[in-house]
Structures are given as C-alpha cells and as structure tokens.
Amino acid sequence: MNASTTLIVIMGVLFAAGVYAMMERSLTRVLIGFLLLGNATNLLLLIVMGAPGIAPFFGSGDASEMSDPLPQALTLTAIVITFAVSAFLLALIYRSWQLGEADTVEDDETDIAVRERGAEEDDVMDDEEFGDDNNDLATDFVGTDTSPITVLHARDFAGIDDDAPVDTPDHPTPNGGER
C-alpha cells in the first residue's frame, strides 16, 4: 500500500468518524465530529494537490515543475473556516453548560409538536392536486391581488427624483453621450 492509498483510507475514516460523531445529541461530540471533518477536508486537499514541486513564484522555474497553489489556498481557507465554526460551537457549548449544566440537546414539547405537525402537513400536501385552476398554490402571497412590492414614482411623492440613468442602449448616458 503506497502513501497515497494510505492517505485516502485515513481521510475516509476521518470523514466517517466525523459524520458519526456529529449525529450525536451531545454538543461536545458535535464539536469533535466537526473537527474531524475539518481535518479530513484538509487531508483531501493535500491528496488533491498531487506531487510536490517548487514554489509557484514567477521566474523560479518551469510551470511543469511548480506545485499547484489552488489546493494550498483552499487548505488555508478550510483551516480558517474550521477555526471560526469551532470557536462558535465552543461558545454554544459554554453557554449551554452555563444555563443547563449539560451539553446534550433535548427534545422539548415544541420540538415534538413541530415533528408531529410536519408529518400531518406532509400527508395533506400529498393529497392536494396542482391543476391549472389552482394557481394560488404556486405563490406565498395567497389572496393578494397586487404584488407585495410597491414601486414608487415621482407622481406618488414629490420628493422622489425619477431621472436616474437607465441601462438600455436607446437612452443616453448621464454625461450626455451615447453608449
């Protein structure tokens, strides 16, 4: 087994362990799972980088000898994102511990009611027919005759100036010239 295959296996194990840990109710395990996913992503980008080469600076060598800088930039971005989300999760865990002295997310009455309501609404949505005569179901604004957005013009309010430049070829630009 060569080094590349070993890295791929380790990356797969890290992804699997991270997803498994994030499925738990404990916020600490969610944090550990997220950290595992972040490390697995960094390892994926390391694998994608390919064979090492010389630094990608202008004039340092031929382009075929240089390493690809994109995976390196993506790895730095992944590290920063992992750090930021980990700091946020740590703040959530700390606040949860302060309020309830536990970091486990429990179902309350509202969660159970939403879960039951969601199952009932799914049954109702499956029974409805979407025909041409029922166009109101395609919009969130059922029962309104006009658009919820009102465009105001100078005729509506005296303080509105309607001489803004228009982005069409037949209108002149604000400085008087044609496009």
C-alpha atoms as a PDB file:
ATOM      1  CA  MET A   1       0.000   0.000   0.000  1.00  0.00           C
ATOM      2  CA  ASN A   2       1.571   3.288  -1.101  1.00  0.00           C
ATOM      3  CA  ALA A   3       1.406   6.655   0.659  1.00  0.00           C
ATOM      4  CA  SER A   4      -1.443   7.967  -1.469  1.00  0.00           C
ATOM      5  CA  THR A   5      -3.673   4.978  -0.730  1.00  0.00           C
ATOM      6  CA  THR A   6      -2.888   5.252   2.988  1.00  0.00           C
ATOM      7  CA  LEU A   7      -3.867   8.940   2.980  1.00  0.00           C
ATOM      8  CA  ILE A   8      -7.124   8.139   1.158  1.00  0.00           C
ATOM      9  CA  VAL A   9      -8.018   5.440   3.708  1.00  0.00           C
ATOM     10  CA  ILE A  10      -7.216   7.747   6.636  1.00  0.00           C
ATOM     11  CA  MET A  11      -9.275  10.529   5.028  1.00  0.00           C
ATOM     12  CA  GLY A  12     -12.237   8.173   4.600  1.00  0.00           C
ATOM     13  CA  VAL A  13     -12.001   7.051   8.233  1.00  0.00           C
ATOM     14  CA  LEU A  14     -11.862  10.684   9.402  1.00  0.00           C
ATOM     15  CA  PHE A  15     -14.921  11.601   7.311  1.00  0.00           C
ATOM     16  CA  ALA A  16     -16.868   8.583   8.593  1.00  0.00           C
ATOM     17  CA  ALA A  17     -15.924   9.206  12.234  1.00  0.00           C
ATOM     18  CA  GLY A  18     -16.733  12.913  11.885  1.00  0.00           C
ATOM     19  CA  VAL A  19     -20.179  12.286  10.420  1.00  0.00           C
ATOM     20  CA  TYR A  20     -20.897   9.649  13.047  1.00  0.00           C
ATOM     21  CA  ALA A  21     -19.836  11.976  15.877  1.00  0.00           C
ATOM     22  CA  MET A  22     -21.956  14.834  14.514  1.00  0.00           C
ATOM     23  CA  MET A  23     -25.086  12.653  14.676  1.00  0.00           C
ATOM     24  CA  GLU A  24     -24.955  12.564  18.481  1.00  0.00           C
ATOM     25  CA  ARG A  25     -27.020  14.755  20.822  1.00  0.00           C
ATOM     26  CA  SER A  26     -24.002  15.973  22.782  1.00  0.00           C
ATOM     27  CA  LEU A  27     -22.641  19.308  21.595  1.00  0.00           C
ATOM     28  CA  THR A  28     -19.126  18.275  22.593  1.00  0.00           C
ATOM     29  CA  ARG A  29     -19.333  15.271  20.273  1.00  0.00           C
ATOM     30  CA  VAL A  30     -20.688  17.521  17.532  1.00  0.00           C
ATOM     31  CA  LEU A  31     -17.627  19.739  18.004  1.00  0.00           C
ATOM     32  CA  ILE A  32     -15.281  16.739  17.862  1.00  0.00           C
ATOM     33  CA  GLY A  33     -17.067  15.487  14.748  1.00  0.00           C
ATOM     34  CA  PHE A  34     -16.752  18.875  13.097  1.00  0.00           C
ATOM     35  CA  LEU A  35     -13.034  18.988  13.902  1.00  0.00           C
ATOM     36  CA  LEU A  36     -12.616  15.513  12.383  1.00  0.00           C
ATOM     37  CA  LEU A  37     -14.452  16.658   9.247  1.00  0.00           C
ATOM     38  CA  GLY A  38     -12.227  19.733   9.020  1.00  0.00           C
ATOM     39  CA  ASN A  39      -9.077  17.627   9.281  1.00  0.00           C
ATOM     40  CA  ALA A  40     -10.425  15.161   6.733  1.00  0.00           C
ATOM     41  CA  THR A  41     -11.099  18.055   4.344  1.00  0.00           C
ATOM     42  CA  ASN A  42      -7.547  19.325   4.797  1.00  0.00           C
ATOM     43  CA  LEU A  43      -6.246  15.826   4.089  1.00  0.00           C
ATOM     44  CA  LEU A  44      -8.444  15.627   0.975  1.00  0.00           C
ATOM     45  CA  LEU A  45      -6.956  18.874  -0.292  1.00  0.00           C
ATOM     46  CA  LEU A  46      -3.461  17.565   0.465  1.00  0.00           C
ATOM     47  CA  ILE A  47      -4.197  14.448  -1.598  1.00  0.00           C
ATOM     48  CA  VAL A  48      -5.630  16.508  -4.457  1.00  0.00           C
ATOM     49  CA  MET A  49      -2.509  18.695  -4.501  1.00  0.00           C
ATOM     50  CA  GLY A  50      -0.530  15.914  -6.140  1.00  0.00           C
ATOM     51  CA  ALA A  51       3.220  15.563  -6.279  1.00  0.00           C
ATOM     52  CA  PRO A  52       5.215  18.254  -4.505  1.00  0.00           C
ATOM     53  CA  GLY A  53       7.038  20.777  -6.628  1.00  0.00           C
ATOM     54  CA  ILE A  54       8.877  24.034  -6.359  1.00  0.00           C
ATOM     55  CA  ALA A  55       7.181  27.143  -5.006  1.00  0.00           C
ATOM     56  CA  PRO A  56       4.902  28.765  -7.613  1.00  0.00           C
ATOM     57  CA  PHE A  57       6.752  32.101  -7.899  1.00  0.00           C
ATOM     58  CA  PHE A  58       7.363  33.885 -11.176  1.00  0.00           C
ATOM     59  CA  GLY A  59      10.774  33.070 -12.560  1.00  0.00           C
ATOM     60  CA  SER A  60      11.557  30.276 -10.088  1.00  0.00           C
ATOM     61  CA  GLY A  61      11.316  27.526 -12.683  1.00  0.00           C
ATOM     62  CA  ASP A  62       9.271  25.907 -15.397  1.00  0.00           C
ATOM     63  CA  ALA A  63       5.496  25.764 -14.901  1.00  0.00           C
ATOM     64  CA  SER A  64       5.522  21.962 -15.054  1.00  0.00           C
ATOM     65  CA  GLU A  65       7.869  21.822 -12.035  1.00  0.00           C
ATOM     66  CA  MET A  66       5.703  24.072  -9.846  1.00  0.00           C
ATOM     67  CA  SER A  67       3.154  22.836  -7.355  1.00  0.00           C
ATOM     68  CA  ASP A  68      -0.478  23.884  -7.744  1.00  0.00           C
ATOM     69  CA  PRO A  69      -1.228  26.867  -5.452  1.00  0.00           C
ATOM     70  CA  LEU A  70      -5.024  26.424  -5.516  1.00  0.00           C
ATOM     71  CA  PRO A  71      -5.211  23.457  -3.084  1.00  0.00           C
ATOM     72  CA  GLN A  72      -2.856  25.327  -0.766  1.00  0.00           C
ATOM     73  CA  ALA A  73      -5.145  28.368  -0.771  1.00  0.00           C
ATOM     74  CA  LEU A  74      -8.199  26.161  -0.251  1.00  0.00           C
ATOM     75  CA  THR A  75      -6.478  24.415   2.670  1.00  0.00           C
ATOM     76  CA  LEU A  76      -5.794  27.756   4.350  1.00  0.00           C
ATOM     77  CA  THR A  77      -9.421  28.733   3.792  1.00  0.00           C
ATOM     78  CA  ALA A  78     -10.618  25.415   5.253  1.00  0.00           C
ATOM     79  CA  ILE A  79      -8.418  25.917   8.317  1.00  0.00           C
ATOM     80  CA  VAL A  80      -9.858  29.384   8.926  1.00  0.00           C
ATOM     81  CA  ILE A  81     -13.450  28.207   8.472  1.00  0.00           C
ATOM     82  CA  THR A  82     -12.892  25.232  10.780  1.00  0.00           C
ATOM     83  CA  PHE A  83     -11.393  27.518  13.411  1.00  0.00           C
ATOM     84  CA  ALA A  84     -14.269  30.014  13.214  1.00  0.00           C
ATOM     85  CA  VAL A  85     -17.028  27.401  13.401  1.00  0.00           C
ATOM     86  CA  SER A  86     -15.181  25.585  16.205  1.00  0.00           C
ATOM     87  CA  ALA A  87     -14.985  28.825  18.198  1.00  0.00           C
ATOM     88  CA  PHE A  88     -18.720  29.348  17.652  1.00  0.00           C
ATOM     89  CA  LEU A  89     -19.517  25.784  18.749  1.00  0.00           C
ATOM     90  CA  LEU A  90     -17.322  26.211  21.831  1.00  0.00           C
ATOM     91  CA  ALA A  91     -19.274  29.365  22.720  1.00  0.00           C
ATOM     92  CA  LEU A  92     -22.547  27.431  22.287  1.00  0.00           C
ATOM     93  CA  ILE A  93     -21.274  24.591  24.469  1.00  0.00           C
ATOM     94  CA  TYR A  94     -20.115  27.020  27.162  1.00  0.00           C
ATOM     95  CA  ARG A  95     -23.450  28.871  27.164  1.00  0.00           C
ATOM     96  CA  SER A  96     -25.385  25.617  27.240  1.00  0.00           C
ATOM     97  CA  TRP A  97     -23.310  24.476  30.200  1.00  0.00           C
ATOM     98  CA  GLN A  98     -23.924  27.779  31.997  1.00  0.00           C
ATOM     99  CA  LEU A  99     -27.681  27.610  31.506  1.00  0.00           C
ATOM    100  CA  GLY A 100     -28.406  23.935  31.987  1.00  0.00           C
ATOM    101  CA  GLU A 101     -25.180  22.308  33.228  1.00  0.00           C
ATOM    102  CA  ALA A 102     -25.401  19.898  30.314  1.00  0.00           C
ATOM    103  CA  ASP A 103     -24.344  19.969  26.706  1.00  0.00           C
ATOM    104  CA  THR A 104     -26.931  17.498  25.473  1.00  0.00           C
ATOM    105  CA  VAL A 105     -29.682  18.790  23.213  1.00  0.00           C
ATOM    106  CA  GLU A 106     -33.028  17.523  24.471  1.00  0.00           C
ATOM    107  CA  ASP A 107     -36.382  17.416  22.687  1.00  0.00           C
ATOM    108  CA  ASP A 108     -38.929  19.687  24.311  1.00  0.00           C
ATOM    109  CA  GLU A 109     -42.680  19.957  23.736  1.00  0.00           C
ATOM    110  CA  THR A 110     -42.257  22.402  20.871  1.00  0.00           C
ATOM    111  CA  ASP A 111     -39.880  20.083  19.012  1.00  0.00           C
ATOM    112  CA  ILE A 112     -42.285  17.181  19.362  1.00  0.00           C
ATOM    113  CA  ALA A 113     -45.236  19.327  18.213  1.00  0.00           C
ATOM    114  CA  VAL A 114     -43.304  20.543  15.165  1.00  0.00           C
ATOM    115  CA  ARG A 115     -42.294  16.979  14.300  1.00  0.00           C
ATOM    116  CA  GLU A 116     -45.912  15.781  14.515  1.00  0.00           C
ATOM    117  CA  ARG A 117     -47.212  18.804  12.613  1.00  0.00           C
ATOM    118  CA  GLY A 118     -44.665  18.182   9.864  1.00  0.00           C
ATOM    119  CA  ALA A 119     -45.906  14.620   9.384  1.00  0.00           C
ATOM    120  CA  GLU A 120     -49.527  15.817   9.202  1.00  0.00           C
ATOM    121  CA  GLU A 121     -48.666  18.556   6.682  1.00  0.00           C
ATOM    122  CA  ASP A 122     -46.827  16.040   4.504  1.00  0.00           C
ATOM    123  CA  ASP A 123     -49.975  13.922   4.352  1.00  0.00           C
ATOM    124  CA  VAL A 124     -52.071  16.972   3.434  1.00  0.00           C
ATOM    125  CA  MET A 125     -49.614  18.087   0.751  1.00  0.00           C
ATOM    126  CA  ASP A 126     -49.662  14.621  -0.816  1.00  0.00           C
ATOM    127  CA  ASP A 127     -53.465  14.790  -1.129  1.00  0.00           C
ATOM    128  CA  GLU A 128     -53.608  18.178  -2.912  1.00  0.00           C
ATOM    129  CA  GLU A 129     -53.815  18.453  -6.670  1.00  0.00           C
ATOM    130  CA  PHE A 130     -51.906  21.108  -8.535  1.00  0.00           C
ATOM    131  CA  GLY A 131     -54.030  21.884 -11.598  1.00  0.00           C
ATOM    132  CA  ASP A 132     -54.366  24.944 -13.795  1.00  0.00           C
ATOM    133  CA  ASP A 133     -57.410  26.127 -11.830  1.00  0.00           C
ATOM    134  CA  ASN A 134     -55.442  26.353  -8.571  1.00  0.00           C
ATOM    135  CA  ASN A 135     -52.659  28.875  -9.327  1.00  0.00           C
ATOM    136  CA  ASP A 136     -52.678  30.360  -5.820  1.00  0.00           C
ATOM    137  CA  LEU A 137     -50.719  27.367  -4.508  1.00  0.00           C
ATOM    138  CA  ALA A 138     -47.660  28.383  -6.505  1.00  0.00           C
ATOM    139  CA  THR A 139     -47.103  31.602  -4.539  1.00  0.00           C
ATOM    140  CA  ASP A 140     -46.542  32.577  -0.942  1.00  0.00           C
ATOM    141  CA  PHE A 141     -48.860  35.558  -1.360  1.00  0.00           C
ATOM    142  CA  VAL A 142     -52.191  33.758  -1.493  1.00  0.00           C
ATOM    143  CA  GLY A 143     -55.184  36.096  -1.604  1.00  0.00           C
ATOM    144  CA  THR A 144     -53.339  39.278  -2.545  1.00  0.00           C
ATOM    145  CA  ASP A 145     -54.352  40.998  -5.756  1.00  0.00           C
ATOM    146  CA  THR A 146     -51.188  43.015  -6.188  1.00  0.00           C
ATOM    147  CA  SER A 147     -47.510  42.437  -5.769  1.00  0.00           C
ATOM    148  CA  PRO A 148     -46.222  42.874  -2.212  1.00  0.00           C
ATOM    149  CA  ILE A 149     -43.537  45.236  -3.577  1.00  0.00           C
ATOM    150  CA  THR A 150     -44.720  48.727  -4.466  1.00  0.00           C
ATOM    151  CA  VAL A 151     -42.579  50.774  -6.825  1.00  0.00           C
ATOM    152  CA  LEU A 152     -42.814  54.475  -6.038  1.00  0.00           C
ATOM    153  CA  HIS A 153     -42.534  57.128  -8.737  1.00  0.00           C
ATOM    154  CA  ALA A 154     -42.385  60.924  -8.760  1.00  0.00           C
ATOM    155  CA  ARG A 155     -46.136  61.026  -9.286  1.00  0.00           C
ATOM    156  CA  ASP A 156     -46.580  59.259  -5.928  1.00  0.00           C
ATOM    157  CA  PHE A 157     -44.315  61.527  -3.868  1.00  0.00           C
ATOM    158  CA  ALA A 158     -42.938  64.908  -4.834  1.00  0.00           C
ATOM    159  CA  GLY A 159     -39.582  64.205  -3.181  1.00  0.00           C
ATOM    160  CA  ILE A 160     -38.677  61.286  -5.478  1.00  0.00           C
ATOM    161  CA  ASP A 161     -36.341  62.067  -8.365  1.00  0.00           C
ATOM    162  CA  ASP A 162     -37.076  59.836 -11.388  1.00  0.00           C
ATOM    163  CA  ASP A 163     -34.219  60.960 -13.629  1.00  0.00           C
ATOM    164  CA  ALA A 164     -31.868  58.115 -12.704  1.00  0.00           C
ATOM    165  CA  PRO A 165     -29.806  56.729 -15.602  1.00  0.00           C
ATOM    166  CA  VAL A 166     -31.424  53.811 -17.409  1.00  0.00           C
ATOM    167  CA  ASP A 167     -29.321  50.849 -18.505  1.00  0.00           C
ATOM    168  CA  THR A 168     -30.681  50.448 -22.026  1.00  0.00           C
ATOM    169  CA  PRO A 169     -28.878  51.225 -25.307  1.00  0.00           C
ATOM    170  CA  ASP A 170     -31.524  53.672 -26.578  1.00  0.00           C
ATOM    171  CA  HIS A 171     -31.150  56.074 -23.618  1.00  0.00           C
ATOM    172  CA  PRO A 172     -28.200  58.474 -23.347  1.00  0.00           C
ATOM    173  CA  THR A 173     -25.723  58.154 -20.504  1.00  0.00           C
ATOM    174  CA  PRO A 174     -25.793  60.692 -17.646  1.00  0.00           C
ATOM    175  CA  ASN A 175     -22.956  62.749 -19.190  1.00  0.00           C
ATOM    176  CA  GLY A 176     -24.995  63.223 -22.408  1.00  0.00           C
ATOM    177  CA  GLY A 177     -23.074  60.880 -24.708  1.00  0.00           C
ATOM    178  CA  GLU A 178     -24.315  57.703 -26.354  1.00  0.00           C
ATOM    179  CA  ARG A 179     -23.026  54.273 -25.382  1.00  0.00           C
END
